Amino acid sequence: MIIKLQENIIKCEKILRDFEDDSIYKFYKMLGGKGRFENSIRNISINSINLRNKIIVDIEATIRATNNKDLIRIIENNYFNQITNAATQESLIRIVNLNSISIPPTAMNIITQDDKVINFINSISTNITSYNNEISNFRQLWNRFKLTLYSFPPIQVYPEILDGQINLINLIQAHNNSGNITAKNTVSISPAAAIKAKPSKQKAKNSNAKNITNKF
């Protein structure tokens, strides 16, 4: 999710740079052009940055609260800072592939049975749903032929919806095919759907585990 958010930020920045370098577009603005598309892109860029930063702050707080050395190492290695400092998609992929982080299943089992993690993921799920609605409305509004004298970006370079399930692994995972972060058990939540209970083959050993089983 963080990688996809950073990709959207990079896309927005490129679109805005192209507008700023377009002399015809500047002339259009001087004549009173409102630049609704540009303003929409700026709003998406700001919201993307805010959502990315919120997720990173909450993830780091959650990880530190677990006191798990394997997870804290992700923060100490400046994993998130490297992602947010990526200036292009190429550098983003390069930074991601250079990281080698392995989270043991036992470590994930500990944190996924924590109410703080559950509440955090629920909150992020709501925020991502709202964010996706904004992107969807934007793409529908501007998915049409536009006749302009200045260069208008094609729909292929528009910021995209964040798809996939939401869980702690996906939130910190570098790339789906990188294999850098592994775990067998995760808490999964779809951003566009309500949380559904998953069947469990084993009985809960304590009240906390039973409470978690009821939530998913």
N, C-alpha and C. Protein backbone atom coordinates (compact mmCIF):
# COMPACT_ATOMS: atom_id res chain seq x y z
N MET A 1 0.83 -1.21 0.00
CA MET A 1 0.00 0.00 0.00
C MET A 1 0.86 1.27 0.00
N ILE A 2 1.90 1.26 0.82
CA ILE A 2 2.76 2.43 0.90
C ILE A 2 3.49 2.64 -0.43
N ILE A 3 3.91 1.54 -1.05
CA ILE A 3 4.58 1.64 -2.34
C ILE A 3 3.63 2.23 -3.37
N LYS A 4 2.39 1.76 -3.38
CA LYS A 4 1.41 2.25 -4.36
C LYS A 4 1.08 3.72 -4.11
N LEU A 5 1.01 4.10 -2.84
CA LEU A 5 0.78 5.51 -2.51
C LEU A 5 1.93 6.37 -3.01
N GLN A 6 3.16 5.88 -2.81
CA GLN A 6 4.32 6.63 -3.28
C GLN A 6 4.32 6.73 -4.81
N GLU A 7 3.88 5.69 -5.47
CA GLU A 7 3.79 5.73 -6.94
C GLU A 7 2.77 6.79 -7.38
N ASN A 8 1.65 6.88 -6.67
CA ASN A 8 0.66 7.91 -7.00
C ASN A 8 1.22 9.31 -6.78
N ILE A 9 2.00 9.47 -5.71
CA ILE A 9 2.62 10.77 -5.44
C ILE A 9 3.57 11.14 -6.57
N ILE A 10 4.36 10.17 -7.02
CA ILE A 10 5.30 10.41 -8.11
C ILE A 10 4.56 10.78 -9.40
N LYS A 11 3.45 10.08 -9.66
CA LYS A 11 2.65 10.39 -10.85
C LYS A 11 2.10 11.80 -10.80
N CYS A 12 1.57 12.18 -9.64
CA CYS A 12 1.02 13.53 -9.49
C CYS A 12 2.10 14.59 -9.69
N GLU A 13 3.27 14.35 -9.11
CA GLU A 13 4.36 15.32 -9.23
C GLU A 13 4.80 15.49 -10.68
N LYS A 14 4.84 14.39 -11.42
CA LYS A 14 5.23 14.46 -12.83
C LYS A 14 4.20 15.25 -13.65
N ILE A 15 2.93 14.97 -13.41
CA ILE A 15 1.87 15.69 -14.12
C ILE A 15 1.96 17.18 -13.83
N LEU A 16 2.16 17.54 -12.57
CA LEU A 16 2.25 18.95 -12.20
C LEU A 16 3.48 19.62 -12.81
N ARG A 17 4.60 18.89 -12.86
CA ARG A 17 5.81 19.45 -13.48
C ARG A 17 5.58 19.71 -14.97
N ASP A 18 4.89 18.77 -15.62
CA ASP A 18 4.61 18.94 -17.05
C ASP A 18 3.75 20.18 -17.30
N PHE A 19 2.77 20.41 -16.43
CA PHE A 19 1.94 21.60 -16.58
C PHE A 19 2.77 22.87 -16.36
N GLU A 20 3.65 22.84 -15.35
CA GLU A 20 4.46 24.01 -15.04
C GLU A 20 5.44 24.34 -16.16
N ASP A 21 5.85 23.31 -16.93
CA ASP A 21 6.80 23.52 -18.02
C ASP A 21 6.12 23.82 -19.35
N ASP A 22 4.80 23.77 -19.37
CA ASP A 22 4.06 24.00 -20.61
C ASP A 22 3.72 25.49 -20.73
N SER A 23 4.36 26.16 -21.68
CA SER A 23 4.17 27.61 -21.84
C SER A 23 2.74 27.95 -22.28
N ILE A 24 2.13 27.07 -23.09
CA ILE A 24 0.76 27.32 -23.53
C ILE A 24 -0.19 27.23 -22.34
N TYR A 25 0.06 26.27 -21.46
CA TYR A 25 -0.79 26.14 -20.27
C TYR A 25 -0.64 27.36 -19.36
N LYS A 26 0.59 27.84 -19.23
CA LYS A 26 0.82 29.05 -18.43
C LYS A 26 0.04 30.23 -19.00
N PHE A 27 0.04 30.34 -20.33
CA PHE A 27 -0.68 31.43 -20.98
C PHE A 27 -2.18 31.28 -20.74
N TYR A 28 -2.65 30.04 -20.79
CA TYR A 28 -4.06 29.76 -20.51
C TYR A 28 -4.44 30.18 -19.09
N LYS A 29 -3.55 29.94 -18.15
CA LYS A 29 -3.82 30.35 -16.76
C LYS A 29 -3.79 31.88 -16.64
N MET A 30 -2.90 32.52 -17.38
CA MET A 30 -2.82 33.98 -17.34
C MET A 30 -4.10 34.63 -17.87
N LEU A 31 -4.74 33.94 -18.80
CA LEU A 31 -5.99 34.47 -19.37
C LEU A 31 -7.20 34.16 -18.50
N GLY A 32 -6.96 33.55 -17.35
CA GLY A 32 -8.05 33.28 -16.42
C GLY A 32 -8.49 31.84 -16.36
N GLY A 33 -7.73 30.93 -16.99
CA GLY A 33 -8.07 29.51 -16.93
C GLY A 33 -8.04 28.99 -15.50
N LYS A 34 -9.06 28.23 -15.14
CA LYS A 34 -9.18 27.75 -13.75
C LYS A 34 -8.29 26.55 -13.46
N GLY A 35 -7.97 25.76 -14.49
CA GLY A 35 -7.10 24.61 -14.27
C GLY A 35 -7.69 23.60 -13.29
N ARG A 36 -8.94 23.19 -13.52
CA ARG A 36 -9.60 22.27 -12.59
C ARG A 36 -8.87 20.94 -12.48
N PHE A 37 -8.34 20.45 -13.60
CA PHE A 37 -7.61 19.19 -13.56
C PHE A 37 -6.36 19.32 -12.70
N GLU A 38 -5.62 20.40 -12.88
CA GLU A 38 -4.41 20.64 -12.09
C GLU A 38 -4.74 20.70 -10.61
N ASN A 39 -5.81 21.41 -10.26
CA ASN A 39 -6.20 21.52 -8.85
C ASN A 39 -6.59 20.17 -8.27
N SER A 40 -7.26 19.34 -9.08
CA SER A 40 -7.64 18.01 -8.62
C SER A 40 -6.40 17.16 -8.36
N ILE A 41 -5.41 17.27 -9.25
CA ILE A 41 -4.17 16.52 -9.08
C ILE A 41 -3.43 16.97 -7.82
N ARG A 42 -3.43 18.29 -7.58
CA ARG A 42 -2.77 18.80 -6.37
C ARG A 42 -3.44 18.26 -5.11
N ASN A 43 -4.77 18.21 -5.12
CA ASN A 43 -5.49 17.67 -3.96
C ASN A 43 -5.17 16.19 -3.74
N ILE A 44 -5.13 15.43 -4.84
CA ILE A 44 -4.81 14.01 -4.72
C ILE A 44 -3.38 13.82 -4.21
N SER A 45 -2.47 14.65 -4.70
CA SER A 45 -1.08 14.57 -4.25
C SER A 45 -0.98 14.83 -2.75
N ILE A 46 -1.67 15.88 -2.28
CA ILE A 46 -1.65 16.21 -0.84
C ILE A 46 -2.27 15.08 -0.02
N ASN A 47 -3.41 14.57 -0.48
CA ASN A 47 -4.07 13.48 0.25
C ASN A 47 -3.24 12.20 0.24
N SER A 48 -2.53 11.96 -0.85
CA SER A 48 -1.66 10.78 -0.94
C SER A 48 -0.51 10.88 0.05
N ILE A 49 0.08 12.07 0.13
CA ILE A 49 1.19 12.28 1.07
C ILE A 49 0.71 12.14 2.51
N ASN A 50 -0.44 12.75 2.81
CA ASN A 50 -0.97 12.69 4.17
C ASN A 50 -1.30 11.25 4.57
N LEU A 51 -1.93 10.49 3.64
CA LEU A 51 -2.29 9.11 3.94
C LEU A 51 -1.04 8.27 4.10
N ARG A 52 -0.07 8.45 3.22
CA ARG A 52 1.20 7.71 3.32
C ARG A 52 1.88 7.97 4.66
N ASN A 53 1.98 9.25 5.04
CA ASN A 53 2.64 9.60 6.31
C ASN A 53 1.89 9.05 7.50
N LYS A 54 0.55 9.10 7.45
CA LYS A 54 -0.25 8.57 8.56
C LYS A 54 -0.04 7.07 8.72
N ILE A 55 -0.03 6.36 7.60
CA ILE A 55 0.17 4.91 7.66
C ILE A 55 1.54 4.59 8.24
N ILE A 56 2.57 5.32 7.79
CA ILE A 56 3.92 5.06 8.27
C ILE A 56 4.04 5.33 9.77
N VAL A 57 3.49 6.45 10.21
CA VAL A 57 3.55 6.80 11.64
C VAL A 57 2.84 5.74 12.48
N ASP A 58 1.66 5.32 12.03
CA ASP A 58 0.89 4.33 12.79
C ASP A 58 1.57 2.97 12.77
N ILE A 59 2.15 2.60 11.64
CA ILE A 59 2.86 1.32 11.57
C ILE A 59 4.05 1.32 12.53
N GLU A 60 4.83 2.40 12.49
CA GLU A 60 6.01 2.47 13.35
C GLU A 60 5.62 2.45 14.83
N ALA A 61 4.54 3.15 15.17
CA ALA A 61 4.07 3.14 16.57
C ALA A 61 3.62 1.75 16.98
N THR A 62 2.92 1.07 16.08
CA THR A 62 2.44 -0.29 16.36
C THR A 62 3.61 -1.25 16.52
N ILE A 63 4.59 -1.13 15.63
CA ILE A 63 5.76 -2.01 15.69
C ILE A 63 6.53 -1.79 16.98
N ARG A 64 6.76 -0.54 17.36
CA ARG A 64 7.52 -0.27 18.59
C ARG A 64 6.76 -0.77 19.82
N ALA A 65 5.44 -0.71 19.76
CA ALA A 65 4.65 -1.17 20.92
C ALA A 65 4.78 -2.67 21.13
N THR A 66 5.12 -3.41 20.07
CA THR A 66 5.25 -4.86 20.20
C THR A 66 6.57 -5.25 20.85
N ASN A 67 7.56 -4.32 20.83
CA ASN A 67 8.90 -4.62 21.33
C ASN A 67 9.53 -5.82 20.64
N ASN A 68 9.12 -6.05 19.39
CA ASN A 68 9.66 -7.18 18.64
C ASN A 68 10.88 -6.72 17.84
N LYS A 69 12.03 -7.32 18.12
CA LYS A 69 13.29 -6.88 17.51
C LYS A 69 13.28 -7.04 15.99
N ASP A 70 12.67 -8.12 15.52
CA ASP A 70 12.65 -8.35 14.07
C ASP A 70 11.87 -7.27 13.34
N LEU A 71 10.79 -6.78 13.97
CA LEU A 71 9.98 -5.75 13.36
C LEU A 71 10.60 -4.36 13.54
N ILE A 72 11.15 -4.11 14.71
CA ILE A 72 11.77 -2.82 14.97
C ILE A 72 12.95 -2.58 14.03
N ARG A 73 13.59 -3.65 13.59
CA ARG A 73 14.71 -3.53 12.67
C ARG A 73 14.30 -2.85 11.36
N ILE A 74 13.03 -3.02 10.99
CA ILE A 74 12.52 -2.36 9.78
C ILE A 74 12.62 -0.85 9.92
N ILE A 75 12.27 -0.33 11.10
CA ILE A 75 12.33 1.11 11.34
C ILE A 75 13.78 1.56 11.43
N GLU A 76 14.60 0.81 12.14
CA GLU A 76 16.00 1.20 12.34
C GLU A 76 16.78 1.21 11.03
N ASN A 77 16.37 0.41 10.08
CA ASN A 77 17.02 0.38 8.77
C ASN A 77 16.51 1.46 7.83
N ASN A 78 15.69 2.37 8.37
CA ASN A 78 15.14 3.48 7.57
C ASN A 78 14.39 2.98 6.35
N TYR A 79 13.70 1.88 6.51
CA TYR A 79 12.98 1.27 5.40
C TYR A 79 11.95 2.24 4.82
N PHE A 80 11.17 2.87 5.68
CA PHE A 80 10.11 3.78 5.22
C PHE A 80 10.68 5.09 4.68
N ASN A 81 11.75 5.58 5.30
CA ASN A 81 12.35 6.82 4.81
C ASN A 81 12.89 6.65 3.39
N GLN A 82 13.45 5.50 3.11
CA GLN A 82 13.97 5.24 1.77
C GLN A 82 12.84 5.27 0.74
N ILE A 83 11.70 4.72 1.12
CA ILE A 83 10.56 4.70 0.21
C ILE A 83 10.05 6.12 -0.06
N THR A 84 9.88 6.89 0.99
CA THR A 84 9.32 8.23 0.84
C THR A 84 10.28 9.18 0.14
N ASN A 85 11.58 8.86 0.14
CA ASN A 85 12.56 9.71 -0.54
C ASN A 85 12.75 9.33 -2.00
N ALA A 86 12.06 8.29 -2.46
CA ALA A 86 12.18 7.88 -3.86
C ALA A 86 11.59 8.96 -4.76
N ALA A 87 12.37 9.40 -5.73
CA ALA A 87 11.94 10.49 -6.59
C ALA A 87 11.25 10.01 -7.85
N THR A 88 11.53 8.78 -8.26
CA THR A 88 10.90 8.21 -9.46
C THR A 88 10.49 6.78 -9.18
N GLN A 89 9.65 6.23 -10.03
CA GLN A 89 9.24 4.84 -9.87
C GLN A 89 10.44 3.91 -10.00
N GLU A 90 11.40 4.26 -10.86
CA GLU A 90 12.57 3.42 -11.03
C GLU A 90 13.40 3.37 -9.75
N SER A 91 13.60 4.52 -9.12
CA SER A 91 14.37 4.54 -7.88
C SER A 91 13.60 3.85 -6.76
N LEU A 92 12.27 3.96 -6.81
CA LEU A 92 11.44 3.30 -5.81
C LEU A 92 11.61 1.79 -5.88
N ILE A 93 11.55 1.24 -7.09
CA ILE A 93 11.73 -0.20 -7.27
C ILE A 93 13.13 -0.63 -6.84
N ARG A 94 14.14 0.18 -7.18
CA ARG A 94 15.52 -0.16 -6.84
C ARG A 94 15.71 -0.19 -5.32
N ILE A 95 15.16 0.80 -4.64
CA ILE A 95 15.28 0.86 -3.18
C ILE A 95 14.59 -0.33 -2.53
N VAL A 96 13.42 -0.64 -3.04
CA VAL A 96 12.63 -1.75 -2.50
C VAL A 96 13.38 -3.06 -2.64
N ASN A 97 13.94 -3.29 -3.82
CA ASN A 97 14.62 -4.56 -4.08
C ASN A 97 15.93 -4.71 -3.33
N LEU A 98 16.49 -3.59 -2.88
CA LEU A 98 17.74 -3.66 -2.12
C LEU A 98 17.51 -4.06 -0.67
N ASN A 99 16.29 -3.94 -0.21
CA ASN A 99 15.98 -4.29 1.18
C ASN A 99 15.74 -5.79 1.29
N SER A 100 16.26 -6.36 2.35
CA SER A 100 16.04 -7.78 2.62
C SER A 100 15.56 -7.93 4.05
N ILE A 101 14.25 -8.03 4.21
CA ILE A 101 13.66 -8.09 5.55
C ILE A 101 12.82 -9.34 5.68
N SER A 102 13.06 -10.11 6.70
CA SER A 102 12.29 -11.34 6.91
C SER A 102 11.63 -11.29 8.28
N ILE A 103 10.32 -11.42 8.31
CA ILE A 103 9.58 -11.41 9.56
C ILE A 103 9.10 -12.82 9.86
N PRO A 104 9.61 -13.44 10.93
CA PRO A 104 9.20 -14.81 11.25
C PRO A 104 7.70 -14.89 11.52
N PRO A 105 7.07 -16.03 11.17
CA PRO A 105 5.63 -16.19 11.44
C PRO A 105 5.29 -16.01 12.91
N THR A 106 6.20 -16.43 13.81
CA THR A 106 5.92 -16.29 15.24
C THR A 106 5.79 -14.83 15.64
N ALA A 107 6.61 -13.97 15.01
CA ALA A 107 6.55 -12.54 15.31
C ALA A 107 5.22 -11.96 14.84
N MET A 108 4.76 -12.39 13.67
CA MET A 108 3.49 -11.89 13.16
C MET A 108 2.33 -12.39 14.01
N ASN A 109 2.44 -13.62 14.52
CA ASN A 109 1.38 -14.16 15.36
C ASN A 109 1.19 -13.31 16.61
N ILE A 110 2.30 -12.81 17.15
CA ILE A 110 2.24 -12.02 18.37
C ILE A 110 1.49 -10.71 18.14
N ILE A 111 1.85 -10.00 17.07
CA ILE A 111 1.28 -8.68 16.88
C ILE A 111 -0.13 -8.73 16.32
N THR A 112 -0.48 -9.78 15.56
CA THR A 112 -1.83 -9.84 15.02
C THR A 112 -2.86 -10.21 16.07
N GLN A 113 -2.40 -10.63 17.26
CA GLN A 113 -3.31 -10.91 18.35
C GLN A 113 -3.30 -9.77 19.36
N ASP A 114 -3.12 -8.57 18.86
CA ASP A 114 -3.08 -7.38 19.69
C ASP A 114 -4.19 -6.45 19.22
N ASP A 115 -5.01 -5.98 20.15
CA ASP A 115 -6.12 -5.09 19.80
C ASP A 115 -5.65 -3.81 19.13
N LYS A 116 -4.45 -3.34 19.49
CA LYS A 116 -3.92 -2.12 18.87
C LYS A 116 -3.74 -2.31 17.37
N VAL A 117 -3.28 -3.49 16.98
CA VAL A 117 -3.08 -3.77 15.56
C VAL A 117 -4.42 -3.84 14.85
N ILE A 118 -5.39 -4.46 15.48
CA ILE A 118 -6.73 -4.58 14.89
C ILE A 118 -7.34 -3.20 14.68
N ASN A 119 -7.26 -2.36 15.70
CA ASN A 119 -7.82 -1.01 15.59
C ASN A 119 -7.10 -0.19 14.53
N PHE A 120 -5.78 -0.35 14.47
CA PHE A 120 -4.98 0.37 13.49
C PHE A 120 -5.40 -0.02 12.07
N ILE A 121 -5.53 -1.32 11.82
CA ILE A 121 -5.89 -1.79 10.49
C ILE A 121 -7.31 -1.36 10.13
N ASN A 122 -8.21 -1.38 11.09
CA ASN A 122 -9.58 -0.91 10.84
C ASN A 122 -9.59 0.56 10.42
N SER A 123 -8.77 1.36 11.11
CA SER A 123 -8.70 2.79 10.81
C SER A 123 -8.12 3.03 9.42
N ILE A 124 -7.03 2.31 9.11
CA ILE A 124 -6.41 2.46 7.79
C ILE A 124 -7.36 2.00 6.70
N SER A 125 -8.11 0.94 6.96
CA SER A 125 -9.07 0.44 5.98
C SER A 125 -10.09 1.51 5.62
N THR A 126 -10.58 2.22 6.63
CA THR A 126 -11.55 3.30 6.39
C THR A 126 -10.93 4.43 5.58
N ASN A 127 -9.70 4.79 5.93
CA ASN A 127 -9.01 5.88 5.23
C ASN A 127 -8.74 5.52 3.77
N ILE A 128 -8.36 4.27 3.52
CA ILE A 128 -8.07 3.86 2.16
C ILE A 128 -9.34 3.79 1.33
N THR A 129 -10.44 3.37 1.94
CA THR A 129 -11.72 3.36 1.23
C THR A 129 -12.09 4.77 0.77
N SER A 130 -11.93 5.74 1.65
CA SER A 130 -12.22 7.14 1.31
C SER A 130 -11.28 7.63 0.21
N TYR A 131 -10.01 7.26 0.32
CA TYR A 131 -9.01 7.65 -0.68
C TYR A 131 -9.34 7.06 -2.04
N ASN A 132 -9.71 5.77 -2.06
CA ASN A 132 -10.06 5.11 -3.31
C ASN A 132 -11.29 5.74 -3.96
N ASN A 133 -12.23 6.17 -3.15
CA ASN A 133 -13.42 6.84 -3.69
C ASN A 133 -13.03 8.14 -4.40
N GLU A 134 -12.08 8.85 -3.81
CA GLU A 134 -11.61 10.10 -4.42
C GLU A 134 -10.94 9.81 -5.76
N ILE A 135 -10.08 8.80 -5.80
CA ILE A 135 -9.38 8.45 -7.05
C ILE A 135 -10.39 7.98 -8.10
N SER A 136 -11.35 7.17 -7.69
CA SER A 136 -12.36 6.65 -8.62
C SER A 136 -13.17 7.79 -9.23
N ASN A 137 -13.60 8.73 -8.40
CA ASN A 137 -14.38 9.87 -8.89
C ASN A 137 -13.55 10.73 -9.85
N PHE A 138 -12.28 10.89 -9.51
CA PHE A 138 -11.38 11.68 -10.37
C PHE A 138 -11.22 11.03 -11.74
N ARG A 139 -10.97 9.71 -11.76
CA ARG A 139 -10.76 9.02 -13.02
C ARG A 139 -12.03 9.01 -13.87
N GLN A 140 -13.18 8.88 -13.24
CA GLN A 140 -14.44 8.92 -14.00
C GLN A 140 -14.70 10.29 -14.58
N LEU A 141 -14.37 11.33 -13.81
CA LEU A 141 -14.61 12.70 -14.26
C LEU A 141 -13.74 13.07 -15.46
N TRP A 142 -12.48 12.60 -15.44
CA TRP A 142 -11.53 13.01 -16.47
C TRP A 142 -11.25 11.92 -17.50
N ASN A 143 -12.04 10.86 -17.51
CA ASN A 143 -11.87 9.79 -18.49
C ASN A 143 -12.71 10.11 -19.74
N ARG A 144 -12.31 11.14 -20.42
CA ARG A 144 -13.03 11.55 -21.63
C ARG A 144 -12.08 12.33 -22.55
N PHE A 145 -12.49 12.46 -23.78
CA PHE A 145 -11.66 13.17 -24.76
C PHE A 145 -11.64 14.66 -24.42
N LYS A 146 -10.46 15.25 -24.46
CA LYS A 146 -10.31 16.66 -24.12
C LYS A 146 -9.52 17.37 -25.23
N LEU A 147 -10.10 18.40 -25.79
CA LEU A 147 -9.44 19.16 -26.84
C LEU A 147 -8.84 20.42 -26.22
N THR A 148 -7.51 20.43 -26.08
CA THR A 148 -6.82 21.57 -25.49
C THR A 148 -5.59 21.91 -26.34
N LEU A 149 -5.17 23.16 -26.28
CA LEU A 149 -3.96 23.58 -26.99
C LEU A 149 -2.70 23.13 -26.25
N TYR A 150 -2.80 22.98 -24.93
CA TYR A 150 -1.65 22.53 -24.14
C TYR A 150 -1.69 21.00 -24.02
N SER A 151 -0.60 20.42 -23.58
CA SER A 151 -0.48 18.96 -23.46
C SER A 151 -1.29 18.47 -22.26
N PHE A 152 -2.21 17.56 -22.54
CA PHE A 152 -3.03 17.00 -21.46
C PHE A 152 -2.60 15.56 -21.23
N PRO A 153 -2.35 15.16 -19.98
CA PRO A 153 -1.85 13.80 -19.72
C PRO A 153 -2.87 12.72 -20.07
N PRO A 154 -2.41 11.60 -20.59
CA PRO A 154 -3.33 10.49 -20.89
C PRO A 154 -3.76 9.79 -19.61
N ILE A 155 -4.85 9.06 -19.68
CA ILE A 155 -5.39 8.41 -18.48
C ILE A 155 -4.44 7.37 -17.91
N GLN A 156 -3.52 6.86 -18.75
CA GLN A 156 -2.58 5.85 -18.28
C GLN A 156 -1.66 6.36 -17.18
N VAL A 157 -1.47 7.67 -17.09
CA VAL A 157 -0.55 8.22 -16.09
C VAL A 157 -1.30 8.81 -14.90
N TYR A 158 -2.61 8.65 -14.86
CA TYR A 158 -3.38 9.13 -13.71
C TYR A 158 -3.04 8.30 -12.46
N PRO A 159 -3.17 8.88 -11.27
CA PRO A 159 -3.04 8.10 -10.04
C PRO A 159 -4.08 6.99 -10.00
N GLU A 160 -3.73 5.87 -9.37
CA GLU A 160 -4.58 4.69 -9.41
C GLU A 160 -5.15 4.32 -8.04
N ILE A 161 -6.21 3.53 -8.09
CA ILE A 161 -6.85 3.02 -6.88
C ILE A 161 -5.91 2.03 -6.19
N LEU A 162 -5.93 2.02 -4.86
CA LEU A 162 -5.15 1.06 -4.09
C LEU A 162 -5.95 -0.23 -3.97
N ASP A 163 -5.53 -1.25 -4.68
CA ASP A 163 -6.29 -2.50 -4.65
C ASP A 163 -5.59 -3.51 -3.74
N GLY A 164 -6.27 -4.62 -3.50
CA GLY A 164 -5.72 -5.67 -2.66
C GLY A 164 -6.21 -5.60 -1.23
N GLN A 165 -5.87 -6.62 -0.47
CA GLN A 165 -6.29 -6.69 0.93
C GLN A 165 -5.38 -5.84 1.80
N ILE A 166 -5.92 -5.45 2.94
CA ILE A 166 -5.16 -4.64 3.88
C ILE A 166 -4.77 -5.49 5.07
N ASN A 167 -3.50 -5.69 5.27
CA ASN A 167 -2.99 -6.34 6.47
C ASN A 167 -1.61 -5.78 6.75
N LEU A 168 -1.06 -6.09 7.89
CA LEU A 168 0.20 -5.47 8.28
C LEU A 168 1.32 -5.82 7.31
N ILE A 169 1.31 -7.05 6.79
CA ILE A 169 2.33 -7.44 5.84
C ILE A 169 2.23 -6.61 4.56
N ASN A 170 1.03 -6.48 4.01
CA ASN A 170 0.86 -5.72 2.77
C ASN A 170 1.19 -4.24 2.96
N LEU A 171 0.94 -3.72 4.16
CA LEU A 171 1.21 -2.32 4.41
C LEU A 171 2.70 -2.01 4.42
N ILE A 172 3.53 -2.99 4.84
CA ILE A 172 4.97 -2.74 4.90
C ILE A 172 5.73 -3.50 3.84
N GLN A 173 5.02 -4.33 3.07
CA GLN A 173 5.71 -5.15 2.08
C GLN A 173 6.20 -4.30 0.92
N ALA A 174 7.41 -4.61 0.46
CA ALA A 174 8.01 -3.83 -0.60
C ALA A 174 7.36 -4.08 -1.95
N HIS A 175 7.30 -5.32 -2.36
CA HIS A 175 6.78 -5.63 -3.69
C HIS A 175 6.20 -7.03 -3.65
N ASN A 176 5.11 -7.23 -4.36
CA ASN A 176 4.43 -8.53 -4.31
C ASN A 176 5.32 -9.69 -4.71
N ASN A 177 6.28 -9.43 -5.61
CA ASN A 177 7.12 -10.50 -6.12
C ASN A 177 8.52 -10.49 -5.55
N SER A 178 8.79 -9.61 -4.60
CA SER A 178 10.16 -9.48 -4.11
C SER A 178 10.53 -10.58 -3.14
N GLY A 179 9.54 -11.04 -2.36
CA GLY A 179 9.80 -12.11 -1.40
C GLY A 179 10.63 -11.65 -0.23
N ASN A 180 10.72 -10.33 0.00
CA ASN A 180 11.56 -9.83 1.09
C ASN A 180 10.91 -10.01 2.44
N ILE A 181 9.58 -9.97 2.49
CA ILE A 181 8.89 -10.07 3.77
C ILE A 181 7.94 -11.25 3.71
N THR A 182 8.07 -12.16 4.67
CA THR A 182 7.25 -13.36 4.64
C THR A 182 6.60 -13.60 5.98
N ALA A 183 5.42 -14.17 5.94
CA ALA A 183 4.72 -14.58 7.15
C ALA A 183 3.56 -15.45 6.75
N LYS A 184 3.19 -16.39 7.62
CA LYS A 184 2.12 -17.32 7.30
C LYS A 184 0.76 -16.81 7.74
N ASN A 185 0.72 -16.06 8.82
CA ASN A 185 -0.55 -15.61 9.38
C ASN A 185 -0.62 -14.10 9.40
N THR A 186 -1.69 -13.55 8.83
CA THR A 186 -1.89 -12.12 8.84
C THR A 186 -3.34 -11.79 9.09
N VAL A 187 -3.57 -10.55 9.49
CA VAL A 187 -4.93 -10.06 9.63
C VAL A 187 -5.30 -9.36 8.34
N SER A 188 -6.30 -9.83 7.63
CA SER A 188 -6.64 -9.29 6.32
C SER A 188 -7.98 -8.57 6.36
N ILE A 189 -8.00 -7.40 5.74
CA ILE A 189 -9.22 -6.62 5.65
C ILE A 189 -9.29 -6.02 4.26
N SER A 190 -10.40 -6.17 3.60
CA SER A 190 -10.60 -5.56 2.30
C SER A 190 -11.05 -4.13 2.47
N PRO A 191 -10.47 -3.14 1.76
CA PRO A 191 -10.82 -1.74 1.95
C PRO A 191 -12.24 -1.41 1.55
N ALA A 192 -12.84 -2.22 0.71
CA ALA A 192 -14.18 -1.89 0.21
C ALA A 192 -15.26 -2.78 0.81
N ALA A 193 -14.89 -3.61 1.77
CA ALA A 193 -15.87 -4.54 2.32
C ALA A 193 -15.77 -4.57 3.83
N ALA A 194 -16.84 -5.01 4.47
CA ALA A 194 -16.85 -5.12 5.92
C ALA A 194 -16.03 -6.32 6.35
N ILE A 195 -15.60 -6.33 7.61
CA ILE A 195 -14.81 -7.43 8.14
C ILE A 195 -15.70 -8.64 8.35
N LYS A 196 -15.25 -9.79 7.85
CA LYS A 196 -16.01 -11.02 7.99
C LYS A 196 -15.23 -12.02 8.85
N ALA A 197 -15.97 -12.83 9.55
CA ALA A 197 -15.33 -13.82 10.42
C ALA A 197 -14.74 -14.94 9.59
N LYS A 198 -13.53 -15.37 10.00
CA LYS A 198 -12.88 -16.49 9.35
C LYS A 198 -12.96 -17.71 10.25
N PRO A 199 -13.27 -18.90 9.70
CA PRO A 199 -13.37 -20.08 10.52
C PRO A 199 -12.02 -20.47 11.09
N SER A 200 -12.02 -20.96 12.30
CA SER A 200 -10.79 -21.37 12.96
C SER A 200 -10.88 -22.84 13.34
N LYS A 201 -9.80 -23.57 13.07
CA LYS A 201 -9.80 -25.00 13.36
C LYS A 201 -9.48 -25.27 14.83
N GLN A 202 -8.84 -24.32 15.48
CA GLN A 202 -8.45 -24.52 16.87
C GLN A 202 -9.25 -23.59 17.77
N LYS A 203 -9.53 -24.02 18.97
CA LYS A 203 -10.26 -23.21 19.93
C LYS A 203 -9.32 -22.18 20.55
N ALA A 204 -9.86 -21.04 20.87
CA ALA A 204 -9.06 -19.99 21.50
C ALA A 204 -8.59 -20.45 22.86
N LYS A 205 -7.33 -20.15 23.17
CA LYS A 205 -6.76 -20.59 24.43
C LYS A 205 -7.01 -19.58 25.55
N ASN A 206 -7.30 -18.34 25.19
CA ASN A 206 -7.57 -17.36 26.23
C ASN A 206 -8.63 -16.39 25.74
N SER A 207 -9.04 -15.49 26.62
CA SER A 207 -10.13 -14.58 26.29
C SER A 207 -9.75 -13.63 25.18
N ASN A 208 -8.48 -13.19 25.14
CA ASN A 208 -8.04 -12.27 24.11
C ASN A 208 -8.10 -12.92 22.74
N ALA A 209 -7.65 -14.14 22.66
CA ALA A 209 -7.68 -14.87 21.39
C ALA A 209 -9.13 -15.08 20.95
N LYS A 210 -10.02 -15.39 21.90
CA LYS A 210 -11.41 -15.58 21.57
C LYS A 210 -12.03 -14.30 21.04
N ASN A 211 -11.63 -13.18 21.64
CA ASN A 211 -12.14 -11.89 21.20
C ASN A 211 -11.71 -11.59 19.78
N ILE A 212 -10.46 -11.91 19.44
CA ILE A 212 -9.94 -11.67 18.11
C ILE A 212 -10.65 -12.56 17.10
N THR A 213 -10.88 -13.80 17.46
CA THR A 213 -11.57 -14.73 16.56
C THR A 213 -12.97 -14.19 16.21
N ASN A 214 -13.61 -13.56 17.16
CA ASN A 214 -14.96 -13.02 16.91
C ASN A 214 -14.92 -11.83 15.98
N LYS A 215 -13.77 -11.16 15.89
CA LYS A 215 -13.71 -9.96 15.08
C LYS A 215 -13.41 -10.26 13.61
N PHE A 216 -12.87 -11.42 13.34
CA PHE A 216 -12.45 -11.71 11.96
C PHE A 216 -13.14 -12.95 11.44
